[in-house]
PDB file of N, CA and C in Angstrom:
ATOM      1  N   MET A   1      -1.753  16.935  -5.372  1.00  0.00           N
ATOM      2  CA  MET A   1      -1.842  16.445  -4.009  1.00  0.00           C
ATOM      3  C   MET A   1      -0.560  15.562  -3.678  1.00  0.00           C
ATOM      4  N   LYS A   2      -0.001  15.723  -2.461  1.00  0.00           N
ATOM      5  CA  LYS A   2       1.187  14.981  -2.106  1.00  0.00           C
ATOM      6  C   LYS A   2       0.799  13.465  -1.703  1.00  0.00           C
ATOM      7  N   PRO A   3       1.673  12.635  -2.136  1.00  0.00           N
ATOM      8  CA  PRO A   3       1.507  11.221  -1.654  1.00  0.00           C
ATOM      9  C   PRO A   3       1.664  11.024  -0.156  1.00  0.00           C
ATOM     10  N   ILE A   4       0.746  10.099   0.433  1.00  0.00           N
ATOM     11  CA  ILE A   4       0.997   9.904   1.854  1.00  0.00           C
ATOM     12  C   ILE A   4       1.644   8.627   2.121  1.00  0.00           C
ATOM     13  N   ALA A   5       1.895   7.811   1.124  1.00  0.00           N
ATOM     14  CA  ALA A   5       2.612   6.566   1.337  1.00  0.00           C
ATOM     15  C   ALA A   5       3.071   6.095  -0.138  1.00  0.00           C
ATOM     16  N   TRP A   6       3.938   5.026  -0.122  1.00  0.00           N
ATOM     17  CA  TRP A   6       4.367   4.460  -1.430  1.00  0.00           C
ATOM     18  C   TRP A   6       4.147   2.894  -1.346  1.00  0.00           C
ATOM     19  N   LEU A   7       3.556   2.384  -2.312  1.00  0.00           N
ATOM     20  CA  LEU A   7       3.388   0.903  -2.535  1.00  0.00           C
ATOM     21  C   LEU A   7       4.519   0.410  -3.279  1.00  0.00           C
ATOM     22  N   VAL A   8       5.338  -0.498  -2.675  1.00  0.00           N
ATOM     23  CA  VAL A   8       6.567  -1.070  -3.322  1.00  0.00           C
ATOM     24  C   VAL A   8       6.156  -2.536  -3.560  1.00  0.00           C
ATOM     25  N   GLU A   9       6.347  -2.924  -4.828  1.00  0.00           N
ATOM     26  CA  GLU A   9       6.090  -4.243  -5.282  1.00  0.00           C
ATOM     27  C   GLU A   9       7.260  -4.843  -5.983  1.00  0.00           C
ATOM     28  N   GLU A  10       7.512  -6.084  -5.778  1.00  0.00           N
ATOM     29  CA  GLU A  10       8.702  -6.829  -6.601  1.00  0.00           C
ATOM     30  C   GLU A  10       7.956  -7.925  -7.319  1.00  0.00           C
ATOM     31  N   PHE A  11       8.305  -8.025  -8.653  1.00  0.00           N
ATOM     32  CA  PHE A  11       7.822  -9.061  -9.422  1.00  0.00           C
ATOM     33  C   PHE A  11       8.975 -10.025 -10.006  1.00  0.00           C
ATOM     34  N   ASP A  12       8.687 -11.281 -10.227  1.00  0.00           N
ATOM     35  CA  ASP A  12       9.802 -12.126 -10.892  1.00  0.00           C
ATOM     36  C   ASP A  12       9.725 -11.823 -12.346  1.00  0.00           C
ATOM     37  N   SER A  13      10.594 -12.680 -12.912  1.00  0.00           N
ATOM     38  CA  SER A  13      10.757 -12.366 -14.399  1.00  0.00           C
ATOM     39  C   SER A  13       9.534 -12.773 -15.275  1.00  0.00           C
ATOM     40  N   THR A  14       8.521 -13.494 -14.716  1.00  0.00           N
ATOM     41  CA  THR A  14       7.348 -13.872 -15.374  1.00  0.00           C
ATOM     42  C   THR A  14       6.192 -12.807 -15.070  1.00  0.00           C
ATOM     43  N   GLY A  15       6.418 -11.880 -14.237  1.00  0.00           N
ATOM     44  CA  GLY A  15       5.424 -10.893 -13.860  1.00  0.00           C
ATOM     45  C   GLY A  15       4.629 -11.294 -12.583  1.00  0.00           C
ATOM     46  N   LYS A  16       5.089 -12.359 -11.973  1.00  0.00           N
ATOM     47  CA  LYS A  16       4.319 -12.779 -10.726  1.00  0.00           C
ATOM     48  C   LYS A  16       4.720 -12.120  -9.462  1.00  0.00           C
ATOM     49  N   LEU A  17       3.863 -11.547  -8.692  1.00  0.00           N
ATOM     50  CA  LEU A  17       4.182 -10.716  -7.609  1.00  0.00           C
ATOM     51  C   LEU A  17       4.960 -11.630  -6.588  1.00  0.00           C
ATOM     52  N   VAL A  18       6.157 -11.199  -6.121  1.00  0.00           N
ATOM     53  CA  VAL A  18       6.911 -11.830  -5.114  1.00  0.00           C
ATOM     54  C   VAL A  18       6.626 -11.352  -3.819  1.00  0.00           C
ATOM     55  N   TRP A  19       6.586 -10.009  -3.556  1.00  0.00           N
ATOM     56  CA  TRP A  19       6.282  -9.396  -2.335  1.00  0.00           C
ATOM     57  C   TRP A  19       5.887  -7.993  -2.521  1.00  0.00           C
ATOM     58  N   SER A  20       5.155  -7.402  -1.543  1.00  0.00           N
ATOM     59  CA  SER A  20       4.701  -5.985  -1.575  1.00  0.00           C
ATOM     60  C   SER A  20       4.756  -5.355  -0.256  1.00  0.00           C
ATOM     61  N   GLY A  21       4.873  -4.090  -0.186  1.00  0.00           N
ATOM     62  CA  GLY A  21       4.788  -3.462   1.195  1.00  0.00           C
ATOM     63  C   GLY A  21       4.624  -1.974   0.995  1.00  0.00           C
ATOM     64  N   LEU A  22       4.144  -1.384   2.121  1.00  0.00           N
ATOM     65  CA  LEU A  22       3.813   0.081   2.087  1.00  0.00           C
ATOM     66  C   LEU A  22       5.033   0.816   2.791  1.00  0.00           C
ATOM     67  N   MET A  23       5.466   1.875   2.297  1.00  0.00           N
ATOM     68  CA  MET A  23       6.458   2.643   2.853  1.00  0.00           C
ATOM     69  C   MET A  23       5.915   4.035   3.038  1.00  0.00           C
ATOM     70  N   SER A  24       6.230   4.580   4.284  1.00  0.00           N
ATOM     71  CA  SER A  24       5.685   5.950   4.751  1.00  0.00           C
ATOM     72  C   SER A  24       6.625   7.091   4.078  1.00  0.00           C
ATOM     73  N   SER A  25       7.852   6.707   3.541  1.00  0.00           N
ATOM     74  CA  SER A  25       8.585   7.732   2.959  1.00  0.00           C
ATOM     75  C   SER A  25       8.979   7.164   1.551  1.00  0.00           C
ATOM     76  N   GLU A  26       9.215   8.043   0.501  1.00  0.00           N
ATOM     77  CA  GLU A  26       9.517   7.603  -0.802  1.00  0.00           C
ATOM     78  C   GLU A  26      10.849   6.887  -0.832  1.00  0.00           C
ATOM     79  N   PRO A  27      10.977   5.621  -1.285  1.00  0.00           N
ATOM     80  CA  PRO A  27      12.300   5.017  -1.469  1.00  0.00           C
ATOM     81  C   PRO A  27      13.159   5.748  -2.455  1.00  0.00           C
ATOM     82  N   THR A  28      14.325   6.134  -2.131  1.00  0.00           N
ATOM     83  CA  THR A  28      15.264   6.881  -3.015  1.00  0.00           C
ATOM     84  C   THR A  28      16.430   5.990  -3.623  1.00  0.00           C
ATOM     85  N   GLU A  29      16.608   4.855  -2.876  1.00  0.00           N
ATOM     86  CA  GLU A  29      17.526   3.895  -3.406  1.00  0.00           C
ATOM     87  C   GLU A  29      17.119   2.516  -3.048  1.00  0.00           C
ATOM     88  N   LEU A  30      17.888   1.479  -3.562  1.00  0.00           N
ATOM     89  CA  LEU A  30      17.524   0.104  -3.433  1.00  0.00           C
ATOM     90  C   LEU A  30      18.481  -0.736  -2.627  1.00  0.00           C
ATOM     91  N   SER A  31      19.210  -0.174  -1.772  1.00  0.00           N
ATOM     92  CA  SER A  31      20.292  -0.963  -1.002  1.00  0.00           C
ATOM     93  C   SER A  31      19.613  -1.865  -0.039  1.00  0.00           C
ATOM     94  N   TRP A  32      18.400  -1.592   0.286  1.00  0.00           N
ATOM     95  CA  TRP A  32      17.596  -2.628   1.327  1.00  0.00           C
ATOM     96  C   TRP A  32      17.296  -3.831   0.707  1.00  0.00           C
ATOM     97  N   LEU A  33      17.468  -4.037  -0.718  1.00  0.00           N
ATOM     98  CA  LEU A  33      17.349  -5.300  -1.254  1.00  0.00           C
ATOM     99  C   LEU A  33      18.528  -6.171  -1.031  1.00  0.00           C
ATOM    100  N   LYS A  34      18.469  -7.130  -0.082  1.00  0.00           N
ATOM    101  CA  LYS A  34      19.712  -7.826   0.407  1.00  0.00           C
ATOM    102  C   LYS A  34      20.462  -8.534  -0.736  1.00  0.00           C
ATOM    103  N   ASP A  35      19.842  -9.047  -1.696  1.00  0.00           N
ATOM    104  CA  ASP A  35      20.585  -9.706  -2.757  1.00  0.00           C
ATOM    105  C   ASP A  35      20.622  -8.855  -3.986  1.00  0.00           C
ATOM    106  N   LEU A  36      20.741  -7.622  -3.920  1.00  0.00           N
ATOM    107  CA  LEU A  36      20.813  -6.738  -5.042  1.00  0.00           C
ATOM    108  C   LEU A  36      21.851  -7.073  -6.077  1.00  0.00           C
ATOM    109  N   LYS A  37      23.017  -7.447  -5.625  1.00  0.00           N
ATOM    110  CA  LYS A  37      24.085  -7.662  -6.499  1.00  0.00           C
ATOM    111  C   LYS A  37      24.093  -9.158  -6.991  1.00  0.00           C
ATOM    112  N   LEU A  38      23.211 -10.017  -6.437  1.00  0.00           N
ATOM    113  CA  LEU A  38      23.170 -11.385  -6.821  1.00  0.00           C
ATOM    114  C   LEU A  38      22.107 -11.779  -7.967  1.00  0.00           C
ATOM    115  N   LYS A  39      21.106 -10.979  -7.970  1.00  0.00           N
ATOM    116  CA  LYS A  39      20.021 -11.309  -8.911  1.00  0.00           C
ATOM    117  C   LYS A  39      19.357 -10.042  -9.444  1.00  0.00           C
ATOM    118  N   LEU A  40      18.639 -10.157 -10.651  1.00  0.00           N
ATOM    119  CA  LEU A  40      17.854  -9.015 -11.100  1.00  0.00           C
ATOM    120  C   LEU A  40      16.530  -8.890 -10.446  1.00  0.00           C
ATOM    121  N   HIS A  41      16.197  -7.639 -10.126  1.00  0.00           N
ATOM    122  CA  HIS A  41      14.985  -7.269  -9.424  1.00  0.00           C
ATOM    123  C   HIS A  41      14.106  -6.421 -10.410  1.00  0.00           C
ATOM    124  N   ASN A  42      12.663  -6.773 -10.232  1.00  0.00           N
ATOM    125  CA  ASN A  42      11.726  -5.868 -11.002  1.00  0.00           C
ATOM    126  C   ASN A  42      10.875  -5.282  -9.909  1.00  0.00           C
ATOM    127  N   VAL A  43      11.076  -3.986  -9.730  1.00  0.00           N
ATOM    128  CA  VAL A  43      10.433  -3.269  -8.589  1.00  0.00           C
ATOM    129  C   VAL A  43       9.646  -2.159  -9.218  1.00  0.00           C
ATOM    130  N   THR A  44       8.336  -2.045  -8.740  1.00  0.00           N
ATOM    131  CA  THR A  44       7.507  -0.838  -8.992  1.00  0.00           C
ATOM    132  C   THR A  44       7.288  -0.018  -7.698  1.00  0.00           C
ATOM    133  N   ILE A  45       7.393   1.208  -7.818  1.00  0.00           N
ATOM    134  CA  ILE A  45       7.025   2.138  -6.674  1.00  0.00           C
ATOM    135  C   ILE A  45       5.897   3.011  -7.074  1.00  0.00           C
ATOM    136  N   THR A  46       4.775   2.901  -6.359  1.00  0.00           N
ATOM    137  CA  THR A  46       3.498   3.565  -6.754  1.00  0.00           C
ATOM    138  C   THR A  46       3.211   4.601  -5.641  1.00  0.00           C
ATOM    139  N   PRO A  47       3.185   5.859  -6.024  1.00  0.00           N
ATOM    140  CA  PRO A  47       2.725   6.868  -4.958  1.00  0.00           C
ATOM    141  C   PRO A  47       1.200   6.787  -4.686  1.00  0.00           C
ATOM    142  N   LEU A  48       0.965   6.801  -3.442  1.00  0.00           N
ATOM    143  CA  LEU A  48      -0.600   6.669  -2.966  1.00  0.00           C
ATOM    144  C   LEU A  48      -1.003   8.010  -2.611  1.00  0.00           C
ATOM    145  N   ILE A  49      -2.059   8.456  -3.303  1.00  0.00           N
ATOM    146  CA  ILE A  49      -2.521   9.839  -3.155  1.00  0.00           C
ATOM    147  C   ILE A  49      -3.997   9.622  -2.424  1.00  0.00           C
ATOM    148  N   PRO A  50      -4.249  10.312  -1.394  1.00  0.00           N
ATOM    149  CA  PRO A  50      -5.578  10.138  -0.763  1.00  0.00           C
ATOM    150  C   PRO A  50      -6.781  10.552  -1.605  1.00  0.00           C
ATOM    151  N   ASP A  51      -7.755   9.858  -1.618  1.00  0.00           N
ATOM    152  CA  ASP A  51      -8.988  10.059  -2.288  1.00  0.00           C
ATOM    153  C   ASP A  51      -9.909  10.951  -1.276  1.00  0.00           C
ATOM    154  N   THR A  52      -9.693  12.127  -1.281  1.00  0.00           N
ATOM    155  CA  THR A  52     -10.435  13.000  -0.182  1.00  0.00           C
ATOM    156  C   THR A  52     -11.977  13.136  -0.558  1.00  0.00           C
ATOM    157  N   LYS A  53     -12.332  12.930  -1.771  1.00  0.00           N
ATOM    158  CA  LYS A  53     -13.789  13.017  -2.149  1.00  0.00           C
ATOM    159  C   LYS A  53     -14.544  11.910  -1.692  1.00  0.00           C
ATOM    160  N   ASN A  54     -13.923  10.733  -1.396  1.00  0.00           N
ATOM    161  CA  ASN A  54     -14.724   9.511  -1.010  1.00  0.00           C
ATOM    162  C   ASN A  54     -14.290   8.972   0.307  1.00  0.00           C
ATOM    163  N   ILE A  55     -13.867   9.780   1.209  1.00  0.00           N
ATOM    164  CA  ILE A  55     -13.470   9.394   2.608  1.00  0.00           C
ATOM    165  C   ILE A  55     -14.684   8.900   3.378  1.00  0.00           C
ATOM    166  N   ILE A  56     -14.494   7.755   3.939  1.00  0.00           N
ATOM    167  CA  ILE A  56     -15.538   7.209   4.882  1.00  0.00           C
ATOM    168  C   ILE A  56     -15.288   7.583   6.196  1.00  0.00           C
ATOM    169  N   LYS A  57     -16.080   8.214   6.985  1.00  0.00           N
ATOM    170  CA  LYS A  57     -15.837   8.606   8.340  1.00  0.00           C
ATOM    171  C   LYS A  57     -16.814   7.996   9.287  1.00  0.00           C
ATOM    172  N   ILE A  58     -16.390   7.395  10.342  1.00  0.00           N
ATOM    173  CA  ILE A  58     -17.261   6.772  11.443  1.00  0.00           C
ATOM    174  C   ILE A  58     -16.882   7.529  12.645  1.00  0.00           C
ATOM    175  N   THR A  59     -17.733   8.323  13.286  1.00  0.00           N
ATOM    176  CA  THR A  59     -17.498   9.145  14.396  1.00  0.00           C
ATOM    177  C   THR A  59     -18.378   8.714  15.565  1.00  0.00           C
ATOM    178  N   ASN A  60     -18.053   9.250  16.683  1.00  0.00           N
ATOM    179  CA  ASN A  60     -18.732   9.062  17.995  1.00  0.00           C
ATOM    180  C   ASN A  60     -18.995   7.597  18.276  1.00  0.00           C
ATOM    181  N   VAL A  61     -18.043   6.637  18.079  1.00  0.00           N
ATOM    182  CA  VAL A  61     -18.223   5.287  18.284  1.00  0.00           C
ATOM    183  C   VAL A  61     -17.758   4.952  19.813  1.00  0.00           C
ATOM    184  N   LYS A  62     -18.678   4.382  20.515  1.00  0.00           N
ATOM    185  CA  LYS A  62     -18.428   3.903  21.879  1.00  0.00           C
ATOM    186  C   LYS A  62     -18.192   2.488  21.967  1.00  0.00           C
ATOM    187  N   LYS A  63     -18.553   1.688  20.978  1.00  0.00           N
ATOM    188  CA  LYS A  63     -18.408   0.194  21.058  1.00  0.00           C
ATOM    189  C   LYS A  63     -18.223  -0.239  19.645  1.00  0.00           C
ATOM    190  N   TYR A  64     -17.653  -1.332  19.439  1.00  0.00           N
ATOM    191  CA  TYR A  64     -17.397  -2.024  18.248  1.00  0.00           C
ATOM    192  C   TYR A  64     -18.753  -2.376  17.599  1.00  0.00           C
ATOM    193  N   ASP A  65     -18.944  -1.954  16.411  1.00  0.00           N
ATOM    194  CA  ASP A  65     -20.319  -2.194  15.634  1.00  0.00           C
ATOM    195  C   ASP A  65     -19.859  -2.730  14.191  1.00  0.00           C
ATOM    196  N   SER A  66     -19.815  -4.026  14.042  1.00  0.00           N
ATOM    197  CA  SER A  66     -19.447  -4.603  12.783  1.00  0.00           C
ATOM    198  C   SER A  66     -20.275  -4.181  11.619  1.00  0.00           C
ATOM    199  N   LYS A  67     -21.498  -3.765  11.941  1.00  0.00           N
ATOM    200  CA  LYS A  67     -22.583  -3.465  10.859  1.00  0.00           C
ATOM    201  C   LYS A  67     -22.078  -2.091  10.164  1.00  0.00           C
ATOM    202  N   LYS A  68     -21.561  -1.262  10.976  1.00  0.00           N
ATOM    203  CA  LYS A  68     -20.975   0.029  10.360  1.00  0.00           C
ATOM    204  C   LYS A  68     -19.931  -0.176   9.469  1.00  0.00           C
ATOM    205  N   LEU A  69     -18.910  -1.147   9.800  1.00  0.00           N
ATOM    206  CA  LEU A  69     -17.901  -1.508   9.094  1.00  0.00           C
ATOM    207  C   LEU A  69     -18.180  -2.154   7.842  1.00  0.00           C
ATOM    208  N   ILE A  70     -19.104  -3.155   7.967  1.00  0.00           N
ATOM    209  CA  ILE A  70     -19.685  -3.903   6.734  1.00  0.00           C
ATOM    210  C   ILE A  70     -20.277  -2.806   5.717  1.00  0.00           C
ATOM    211  N   GLU A  71     -21.137  -1.880   6.181  1.00  0.00           N
ATOM    212  CA  GLU A  71     -21.854  -0.972   5.352  1.00  0.00           C
ATOM    213  C   GLU A  71     -20.805  -0.061   4.688  1.00  0.00           C
ATOM    214  N   ALA A  72     -19.699   0.337   5.457  1.00  0.00           N
ATOM    215  CA  ALA A  72     -18.710   1.283   4.913  1.00  0.00           C
ATOM    216  C   ALA A  72     -17.895   0.684   3.772  1.00  0.00           C
ATOM    217  N   ASN A  73     -17.783  -0.707   3.881  1.00  0.00           N
ATOM    218  CA  ASN A  73     -16.932  -1.398   2.952  1.00  0.00           C
ATOM    219  C   ASN A  73     -17.770  -2.265   1.988  1.00  0.00           C
ATOM    220  N   ASN A  74     -19.001  -1.972   1.749  1.00  0.00           N
ATOM    221  CA  ASN A  74     -19.898  -2.707   0.906  1.00  0.00           C
ATOM    222  C   ASN A  74     -19.833  -4.192   1.124  1.00  0.00           C
ATOM    223  N   GLY A  75     -19.834  -4.538   2.298  1.00  0.00           N
ATOM    224  CA  GLY A  75     -19.964  -6.050   2.568  1.00  0.00           C
ATOM    225  C   GLY A  75     -18.714  -6.830   2.712  1.00  0.00           C
ATOM    226  N   LEU A  76     -17.633  -6.088   2.541  1.00  0.00           N
ATOM    227  CA  LEU A  76     -16.270  -6.849   2.599  1.00  0.00           C
ATOM    228  C   LEU A  76     -15.988  -7.207   3.942  1.00  0.00           C
TER     229      LEU A  76
END
């Protein structure tokens, strides 16, 4: 199955997450890192594949019902 987005994460030299973001297209180069020439970067790019077997669908909603959202996300 084809990825629908890419999770991009940057970590410091100790492995601590510095920042993360979602991209709708696959990053093919790193020129968007503003200080690319000034410091070392540790970047991971993870393709996100939809889990079509476990999709949660809520249909025919006329008003906001937090109970449905809570039930769909196991209380989160």
